[in-house]
Amino acid sequence: MKMSLKNKTLNKNVLALKEQIDNSLELLLSLNLIQFYNPVNVEYNEADDISKISWFNHIGGREVSSNAFLTIKQYLAILESGAYHVLMNDYSIIRASFTFKHNKLITQNLLWWPCPVKVDFGDNGEDSPAEIVSLFLEDTENFRMRSPVRIDFDKDNDTEDHPKAHIHTQHYKSRMNTVRPICFNTFLKFIFNHYYPTLKINNKIFSSCPINFESSKEISYTLKEKLMIF
């Protein structure tokens, strides 16, 4: 049974993360770092005591499956459906999903999907973001070769070749071990610092919050490299 927020008080870990995302979305807009944002969606399953912080307009199908990672169709499918939190000024998108069971995180999905073309004008009020991007896709001179970045955590999927915490980039089966889950603001800082180096942003305004997750036995992963994100 799913309940609305007015019928259920969120546990402190879910509430802290939701407030962090809400505050950061408002801050991004006030700093003119983004075009707009979509509100956070929170669902609660009382039977299993599972809370999910995510986005509205969940869509499924082949175009948004993991195999479609890197394809322009996936970017356009997400953009057209509004299944994201942030539309950035360059028409890149950011979205985040966190699932808690009781008071501990069990899954996480953080995605930055860079716009595959250079868009040199803003929304004119008539065309949708997807229509604007599609217009620029007609000319290969506008193409930009940038890989999306997806950071995942799944406590129940931890094997020698699939670290429970990992980052995907360049290939849908690439999984670099990121050791532990991260909060929304840590993800924002990672994206801004590494993929928008000309933007001068004070990292202190995006304060991190701890993520409470269930620890598990350390596994000797096939790929030994670790990518620490703070």
C-alpha atoms as a PDB file:
ATOM      1  CA  MET A   1       0.000   0.000   0.000  1.00  0.00           C
ATOM      2  CA  LYS A   2       1.415   3.371  -1.057  1.00  0.00           C
ATOM      3  CA  MET A   3       0.648   6.358   1.126  1.00  0.00           C
ATOM      4  CA  SER A   4       0.942  10.074   0.544  1.00  0.00           C
ATOM      5  CA  LEU A   5       3.293  12.106   2.690  1.00  0.00           C
ATOM      6  CA  LYS A   6       0.456  13.679   4.671  1.00  0.00           C
ATOM      7  CA  ASN A   7      -0.458  10.232   5.992  1.00  0.00           C
ATOM      8  CA  LYS A   8       3.007   9.146   6.981  1.00  0.00           C
ATOM      9  CA  THR A   9       5.878  10.836   8.792  1.00  0.00           C
ATOM     10  CA  LEU A  10       9.094  10.048   6.967  1.00  0.00           C
ATOM     11  CA  ASN A  11      11.964   8.622   8.965  1.00  0.00           C
ATOM     12  CA  LYS A  12      14.711  11.136   9.658  1.00  0.00           C
ATOM     13  CA  ASN A  13      17.115   9.770   7.014  1.00  0.00           C
ATOM     14  CA  VAL A  14      14.553   9.985   4.211  1.00  0.00           C
ATOM     15  CA  LEU A  15      13.374  13.392   5.401  1.00  0.00           C
ATOM     16  CA  ALA A  16      16.912  14.801   5.571  1.00  0.00           C
ATOM     17  CA  LEU A  17      17.680  13.664   2.041  1.00  0.00           C
ATOM     18  CA  LYS A  18      14.379  14.951   0.670  1.00  0.00           C
ATOM     19  CA  GLU A  19      14.968  18.347   2.279  1.00  0.00           C
ATOM     20  CA  GLN A  20      18.494  18.431   0.878  1.00  0.00           C
ATOM     21  CA  ILE A  21      17.236  17.809  -2.668  1.00  0.00           C
ATOM     22  CA  ASP A  22      14.380  20.323  -2.320  1.00  0.00           C
ATOM     23  CA  ASN A  23      16.721  23.021  -1.016  1.00  0.00           C
ATOM     24  CA  SER A  24      19.363  22.355  -3.663  1.00  0.00           C
ATOM     25  CA  LEU A  25      16.861  22.504  -6.519  1.00  0.00           C
ATOM     26  CA  GLU A  26      15.685  25.914  -5.302  1.00  0.00           C
ATOM     27  CA  LEU A  27      19.290  27.062  -4.905  1.00  0.00           C
ATOM     28  CA  LEU A  28      20.292  25.930  -8.393  1.00  0.00           C
ATOM     29  CA  LEU A  29      17.420  27.926  -9.851  1.00  0.00           C
ATOM     30  CA  SER A  30      18.152  31.042  -7.779  1.00  0.00           C
ATOM     31  CA  LEU A  31      21.791  30.959  -8.952  1.00  0.00           C
ATOM     32  CA  ASN A  32      20.656  30.692 -12.593  1.00  0.00           C
ATOM     33  CA  LEU A  33      22.570  27.452 -12.994  1.00  0.00           C
ATOM     34  CA  ILE A  34      19.545  25.656 -14.423  1.00  0.00           C
ATOM     35  CA  GLN A  35      16.525  26.443 -16.580  1.00  0.00           C
ATOM     36  CA  PHE A  36      13.974  24.794 -14.311  1.00  0.00           C
ATOM     37  CA  TYR A  37      13.381  21.811 -12.068  1.00  0.00           C
ATOM     38  CA  ASN A  38      10.634  19.275 -11.494  1.00  0.00           C
ATOM     39  CA  PRO A  39       9.533  18.584  -7.895  1.00  0.00           C
ATOM     40  CA  VAL A  40      10.722  15.596  -5.911  1.00  0.00           C
ATOM     41  CA  ASN A  41       8.317  12.660  -5.745  1.00  0.00           C
ATOM     42  CA  VAL A  42       8.184  10.551  -2.573  1.00  0.00           C
ATOM     43  CA  GLU A  43       6.272   7.277  -2.243  1.00  0.00           C
ATOM     44  CA  TYR A  44       5.809   5.105   0.835  1.00  0.00           C
ATOM     45  CA  ASN A  45       4.952   1.416   0.903  1.00  0.00           C
ATOM     46  CA  GLU A  46       3.559   0.790   4.372  1.00  0.00           C
ATOM     47  CA  ALA A  47       3.490  -3.011   4.106  1.00  0.00           C
ATOM     48  CA  ASP A  48       7.244  -3.251   3.522  1.00  0.00           C
ATOM     49  CA  ASP A  49       8.218   0.048   5.185  1.00  0.00           C
ATOM     50  CA  ILE A  50       9.897   1.211   1.975  1.00  0.00           C
ATOM     51  CA  SER A  51      10.288   4.874   1.071  1.00  0.00           C
ATOM     52  CA  LYS A  52      11.342   5.997  -2.384  1.00  0.00           C
ATOM     53  CA  ILE A  53      12.586   9.464  -3.277  1.00  0.00           C
ATOM     54  CA  SER A  54      12.499   9.859  -7.029  1.00  0.00           C
ATOM     55  CA  TRP A  55      10.997  11.743  -9.981  1.00  0.00           C
ATOM     56  CA  PHE A  56       7.505  11.865 -11.425  1.00  0.00           C
ATOM     57  CA  ASN A  57       6.598  10.349 -14.794  1.00  0.00           C
ATOM     58  CA  HIS A  58       8.453   7.075 -14.534  1.00  0.00           C
ATOM     59  CA  ILE A  59       8.681   5.503 -17.957  1.00  0.00           C
ATOM     60  CA  GLY A  60       9.816   2.054 -18.991  1.00  0.00           C
ATOM     61  CA  GLY A  61      10.667   0.261 -22.184  1.00  0.00           C
ATOM     62  CA  ARG A  62      13.608  -0.472 -24.418  1.00  0.00           C
ATOM     63  CA  GLU A  63      14.580   3.171 -24.978  1.00  0.00           C
ATOM     64  CA  VAL A  64      15.304   3.761 -21.296  1.00  0.00           C
ATOM     65  CA  SER A  65      16.708   0.332 -20.420  1.00  0.00           C
ATOM     66  CA  SER A  66      20.297  -0.103 -19.289  1.00  0.00           C
ATOM     67  CA  ASN A  67      21.206  -1.394 -22.750  1.00  0.00           C
ATOM     68  CA  ALA A  68      20.155   1.979 -24.195  1.00  0.00           C
ATOM     69  CA  PHE A  69      22.696   3.834 -22.053  1.00  0.00           C
ATOM     70  CA  LEU A  70      24.633   6.258 -24.326  1.00  0.00           C
ATOM     71  CA  THR A  71      21.933   6.354 -27.013  1.00  0.00           C
ATOM     72  CA  ILE A  72      20.413   9.679 -28.009  1.00  0.00           C
ATOM     73  CA  LYS A  73      17.023   7.950 -27.965  1.00  0.00           C
ATOM     74  CA  GLN A  74      17.371   7.435 -24.218  1.00  0.00           C
ATOM     75  CA  TYR A  75      18.194  11.086 -23.650  1.00  0.00           C
ATOM     76  CA  LEU A  76      15.235  12.213 -25.775  1.00  0.00           C
ATOM     77  CA  ALA A  77      12.848   9.731 -24.128  1.00  0.00           C
ATOM     78  CA  ILE A  78      13.722  11.101 -20.687  1.00  0.00           C
ATOM     79  CA  LEU A  79      13.575  14.697 -21.890  1.00  0.00           C
ATOM     80  CA  GLU A  80      10.233  14.317 -23.682  1.00  0.00           C
ATOM     81  CA  SER A  81       8.554  12.585 -20.726  1.00  0.00           C
ATOM     82  CA  GLY A  82       9.850  15.035 -18.113  1.00  0.00           C
ATOM     83  CA  ALA A  83      11.208  12.079 -16.110  1.00  0.00           C
ATOM     84  CA  TYR A  84      13.993  14.051 -14.465  1.00  0.00           C
ATOM     85  CA  HIS A  85      14.601  16.642 -11.770  1.00  0.00           C
ATOM     86  CA  VAL A  86      16.782  19.262 -13.447  1.00  0.00           C
ATOM     87  CA  LEU A  87      17.058  20.780 -16.911  1.00  0.00           C
ATOM     88  CA  MET A  88      20.384  22.574 -17.005  1.00  0.00           C
ATOM     89  CA  ASN A  89      21.156  25.655 -19.060  1.00  0.00           C
ATOM     90  CA  ASP A  90      22.923  23.545 -21.689  1.00  0.00           C
ATOM     91  CA  TYR A  91      19.895  21.189 -21.855  1.00  0.00           C
ATOM     92  CA  SER A  92      21.650  18.440 -19.927  1.00  0.00           C
ATOM     93  CA  ILE A  93      19.472  16.636 -17.399  1.00  0.00           C
ATOM     94  CA  ILE A  94      19.963  15.440 -13.826  1.00  0.00           C
ATOM     95  CA  ARG A  95      17.794  13.058 -11.876  1.00  0.00           C
ATOM     96  CA  ALA A  96      18.122  11.053  -8.675  1.00  0.00           C
ATOM     97  CA  SER A  97      16.414   8.114  -7.016  1.00  0.00           C
ATOM     98  CA  PHE A  98      16.911   6.731  -3.495  1.00  0.00           C
ATOM     99  CA  THR A  99      15.070   3.776  -1.960  1.00  0.00           C
ATOM    100  CA  PHE A 100      15.101   3.175   1.794  1.00  0.00           C
ATOM    101  CA  LYS A 101      13.896   0.101   3.646  1.00  0.00           C
ATOM    102  CA  HIS A 102      13.156   1.027   7.231  1.00  0.00           C
ATOM    103  CA  ASN A 103      15.803   3.699   7.782  1.00  0.00           C
ATOM    104  CA  LYS A 104      18.593   2.374   5.560  1.00  0.00           C
ATOM    105  CA  LEU A 105      19.335   2.949   1.887  1.00  0.00           C
ATOM    106  CA  ILE A 106      18.995  -0.146  -0.298  1.00  0.00           C
ATOM    107  CA  THR A 107      19.212   1.297  -3.842  1.00  0.00           C
ATOM    108  CA  GLN A 108      20.359   4.493  -5.498  1.00  0.00           C
ATOM    109  CA  ASN A 109      20.430   5.861  -9.042  1.00  0.00           C
ATOM    110  CA  LEU A 110      21.990   9.215  -9.897  1.00  0.00           C
ATOM    111  CA  LEU A 111      22.125  10.294 -13.534  1.00  0.00           C
ATOM    112  CA  TRP A 112      23.655  13.179 -15.455  1.00  0.00           C
ATOM    113  CA  TRP A 113      22.763  12.954 -19.143  1.00  0.00           C
ATOM    114  CA  PRO A 114      24.655  15.663 -21.060  1.00  0.00           C
ATOM    115  CA  CYS A 115      22.846  17.216 -23.981  1.00  0.00           C
ATOM    116  CA  PRO A 116      24.255  15.566 -27.148  1.00  0.00           C
ATOM    117  CA  VAL A 117      24.268  18.869 -29.058  1.00  0.00           C
ATOM    118  CA  LYS A 118      25.264  22.472 -28.465  1.00  0.00           C
ATOM    119  CA  VAL A 119      22.118  24.565 -28.090  1.00  0.00           C
ATOM    120  CA  ASP A 120      22.868  28.248 -28.573  1.00  0.00           C
ATOM    121  CA  PHE A 121      19.545  29.791 -27.622  1.00  0.00           C
ATOM    122  CA  GLY A 122      17.099  29.424 -24.781  1.00  0.00           C
ATOM    123  CA  ASP A 123      13.514  28.299 -24.691  1.00  0.00           C
ATOM    124  CA  ASN A 124      11.465  30.716 -26.781  1.00  0.00           C
ATOM    125  CA  GLY A 125       8.258  29.795 -24.996  1.00  0.00           C
ATOM    126  CA  GLU A 126       6.782  27.971 -27.967  1.00  0.00           C
ATOM    127  CA  ASP A 127       8.897  24.855 -28.418  1.00  0.00           C
ATOM    128  CA  SER A 128       9.472  22.189 -25.778  1.00  0.00           C
ATOM    129  CA  PRO A 129      13.046  21.368 -24.693  1.00  0.00           C
ATOM    130  CA  ALA A 130      12.848  18.116 -26.680  1.00  0.00           C
ATOM    131  CA  GLU A 131      11.758  20.002 -29.799  1.00  0.00           C
ATOM    132  CA  ILE A 132      14.601  22.494 -29.425  1.00  0.00           C
ATOM    133  CA  VAL A 133      17.207  19.754 -29.023  1.00  0.00           C
ATOM    134  CA  SER A 134      15.751  17.805 -31.964  1.00  0.00           C
ATOM    135  CA  LEU A 135      16.139  20.906 -34.116  1.00  0.00           C
ATOM    136  CA  PHE A 136      19.846  21.135 -33.339  1.00  0.00           C
ATOM    137  CA  LEU A 137      20.298  17.407 -33.924  1.00  0.00           C
ATOM    138  CA  GLU A 138      19.619  18.032 -37.597  1.00  0.00           C
ATOM    139  CA  ASP A 139      23.113  19.496 -38.060  1.00  0.00           C
ATOM    140  CA  THR A 140      26.121  17.345 -37.128  1.00  0.00           C
ATOM    141  CA  GLU A 141      28.146  20.509 -36.509  1.00  0.00           C
ATOM    142  CA  ASN A 142      26.175  20.853 -33.284  1.00  0.00           C
ATOM    143  CA  PHE A 143      27.016  17.366 -31.989  1.00  0.00           C
ATOM    144  CA  ARG A 144      28.932  17.068 -28.716  1.00  0.00           C
ATOM    145  CA  MET A 145      30.562  13.750 -27.772  1.00  0.00           C
ATOM    146  CA  ARG A 146      29.923  13.542 -24.039  1.00  0.00           C
ATOM    147  CA  SER A 147      29.144  10.406 -22.095  1.00  0.00           C
ATOM    148  CA  PRO A 148      26.346  10.273 -19.527  1.00  0.00           C
ATOM    149  CA  VAL A 149      27.370   9.468 -15.963  1.00  0.00           C
ATOM    150  CA  ARG A 150      25.260   7.162 -13.810  1.00  0.00           C
ATOM    151  CA  ILE A 151      26.087   6.322 -10.197  1.00  0.00           C
ATOM    152  CA  ASP A 152      24.297   3.304  -8.746  1.00  0.00           C
ATOM    153  CA  PHE A 153      24.008   1.485  -5.461  1.00  0.00           C
ATOM    154  CA  ASP A 154      22.254  -1.842  -4.943  1.00  0.00           C
ATOM    155  CA  LYS A 155      23.002  -3.594  -1.686  1.00  0.00           C
ATOM    156  CA  ASP A 156      21.559  -6.913  -2.897  1.00  0.00           C
ATOM    157  CA  ASN A 157      23.637  -7.037  -6.082  1.00  0.00           C
ATOM    158  CA  ASP A 158      27.220  -7.289  -4.893  1.00  0.00           C
ATOM    159  CA  THR A 159      29.445  -9.763  -6.723  1.00  0.00           C
ATOM    160  CA  GLU A 160      33.045 -10.027  -7.880  1.00  0.00           C
ATOM    161  CA  ASP A 161      32.263  -8.307 -11.174  1.00  0.00           C
ATOM    162  CA  HIS A 162      29.389  -6.105  -9.970  1.00  0.00           C
ATOM    163  CA  PRO A 163      30.273  -3.845  -7.016  1.00  0.00           C
ATOM    164  CA  LYS A 164      27.195  -2.785  -5.094  1.00  0.00           C
ATOM    165  CA  ALA A 165      28.304   0.845  -5.454  1.00  0.00           C
ATOM    166  CA  HIS A 166      29.569   1.803  -8.900  1.00  0.00           C
ATOM    167  CA  ILE A 167      29.678   4.397 -11.653  1.00  0.00           C
ATOM    168  CA  HIS A 168      28.785   3.844 -15.314  1.00  0.00           C
ATOM    169  CA  THR A 169      30.349   5.927 -18.058  1.00  0.00           C
ATOM    170  CA  GLN A 170      31.229   5.290 -21.708  1.00  0.00           C
ATOM    171  CA  HIS A 171      29.680   1.800 -21.702  1.00  0.00           C
ATOM    172  CA  TYR A 172      26.570   0.414 -20.040  1.00  0.00           C
ATOM    173  CA  LYS A 173      28.539  -2.510 -18.593  1.00  0.00           C
ATOM    174  CA  SER A 174      31.370  -0.400 -17.203  1.00  0.00           C
ATOM    175  CA  ARG A 175      31.232  -0.442 -13.410  1.00  0.00           C
ATOM    176  CA  MET A 176      33.918   1.415 -11.495  1.00  0.00           C
ATOM    177  CA  ASN A 177      33.772   0.689  -7.791  1.00  0.00           C
ATOM    178  CA  THR A 178      32.695   3.803  -5.877  1.00  0.00           C
ATOM    179  CA  VAL A 179      32.826   2.079  -2.478  1.00  0.00           C
ATOM    180  CA  ARG A 180      29.651   3.580  -0.964  1.00  0.00           C
ATOM    181  CA  PRO A 181      26.507   5.521  -1.879  1.00  0.00           C
ATOM    182  CA  ILE A 182      26.529   9.319  -1.945  1.00  0.00           C
ATOM    183  CA  CYS A 183      23.965  12.024  -1.295  1.00  0.00           C
ATOM    184  CA  PHE A 184      22.406  14.290  -3.918  1.00  0.00           C
ATOM    185  CA  ASN A 185      24.660  17.261  -3.164  1.00  0.00           C
ATOM    186  CA  THR A 186      27.814  15.168  -3.401  1.00  0.00           C
ATOM    187  CA  PHE A 187      26.641  14.100  -6.845  1.00  0.00           C
ATOM    188  CA  LEU A 188      25.942  17.722  -7.845  1.00  0.00           C
ATOM    189  CA  LYS A 189      29.423  18.801  -6.779  1.00  0.00           C
ATOM    190  CA  PHE A 190      30.990  15.885  -8.630  1.00  0.00           C
ATOM    191  CA  ILE A 191      29.205  16.825 -11.860  1.00  0.00           C
ATOM    192  CA  PHE A 192      29.815  20.569 -11.618  1.00  0.00           C
ATOM    193  CA  ASN A 193      33.461  20.262 -10.575  1.00  0.00           C
ATOM    194  CA  HIS A 194      34.448  17.730 -13.239  1.00  0.00           C
ATOM    195  CA  TYR A 195      32.182  18.470 -16.194  1.00  0.00           C
ATOM    196  CA  TYR A 196      31.632  22.231 -15.839  1.00  0.00           C
ATOM    197  CA  PRO A 197      35.088  23.414 -14.751  1.00  0.00           C
ATOM    198  CA  THR A 198      34.539  26.971 -16.019  1.00  0.00           C
ATOM    199  CA  LEU A 199      31.603  27.506 -13.672  1.00  0.00           C
ATOM    200  CA  LYS A 200      32.725  29.112 -10.451  1.00  0.00           C
ATOM    201  CA  ILE A 201      30.656  27.473  -7.735  1.00  0.00           C
ATOM    202  CA  ASN A 202      31.257  27.570  -4.015  1.00  0.00           C
ATOM    203  CA  ASN A 203      31.033  23.912  -2.973  1.00  0.00           C
ATOM    204  CA  LYS A 204      30.234  24.926   0.596  1.00  0.00           C
ATOM    205  CA  ILE A 205      26.721  26.018  -0.355  1.00  0.00           C
ATOM    206  CA  PHE A 206      25.897  22.429  -1.297  1.00  0.00           C
ATOM    207  CA  SER A 207      26.494  20.728   2.016  1.00  0.00           C
ATOM    208  CA  SER A 208      26.563  16.942   2.116  1.00  0.00           C
ATOM    209  CA  CYS A 209      24.417  14.765   4.336  1.00  0.00           C
ATOM    210  CA  PRO A 210      25.246  11.262   5.576  1.00  0.00           C
ATOM    211  CA  ILE A 211      23.665   8.253   3.894  1.00  0.00           C
ATOM    212  CA  ASN A 212      22.671   5.474   6.282  1.00  0.00           C
ATOM    213  CA  PHE A 213      23.099   2.144   4.515  1.00  0.00           C
ATOM    214  CA  GLU A 214      23.503  -1.462   5.539  1.00  0.00           C
ATOM    215  CA  SER A 215      27.111  -2.545   5.363  1.00  0.00           C
ATOM    216  CA  SER A 216      28.010  -5.915   3.912  1.00  0.00           C
ATOM    217  CA  LYS A 217      30.989  -8.202   3.808  1.00  0.00           C
ATOM    218  CA  GLU A 218      33.820  -6.859   1.684  1.00  0.00           C
ATOM    219  CA  ILE A 219      34.252  -8.650  -1.631  1.00  0.00           C
ATOM    220  CA  SER A 220      37.451  -8.944  -3.643  1.00  0.00           C
ATOM    221  CA  TYR A 221      36.247  -7.398  -6.879  1.00  0.00           C
ATOM    222  CA  THR A 222      37.623  -8.467 -10.249  1.00  0.00           C
ATOM    223  CA  LEU A 223      38.567  -4.850 -11.006  1.00  0.00           C
ATOM    224  CA  LYS A 224      40.532  -3.508  -8.074  1.00  0.00           C
ATOM    225  CA  GLU A 225      40.349   0.221  -8.834  1.00  0.00           C
ATOM    226  CA  LYS A 226      38.265   2.387  -6.524  1.00  0.00           C
ATOM    227  CA  LEU A 227      36.839   5.789  -7.289  1.00  0.00           C
ATOM    228  CA  MET A 228      36.243   7.787  -4.115  1.00  0.00           C
ATOM    229  CA  ILE A 229      33.646  10.551  -4.478  1.00  0.00           C
ATOM    230  CA  PHE A 230      33.362  13.013  -1.605  1.00  0.00           C
END
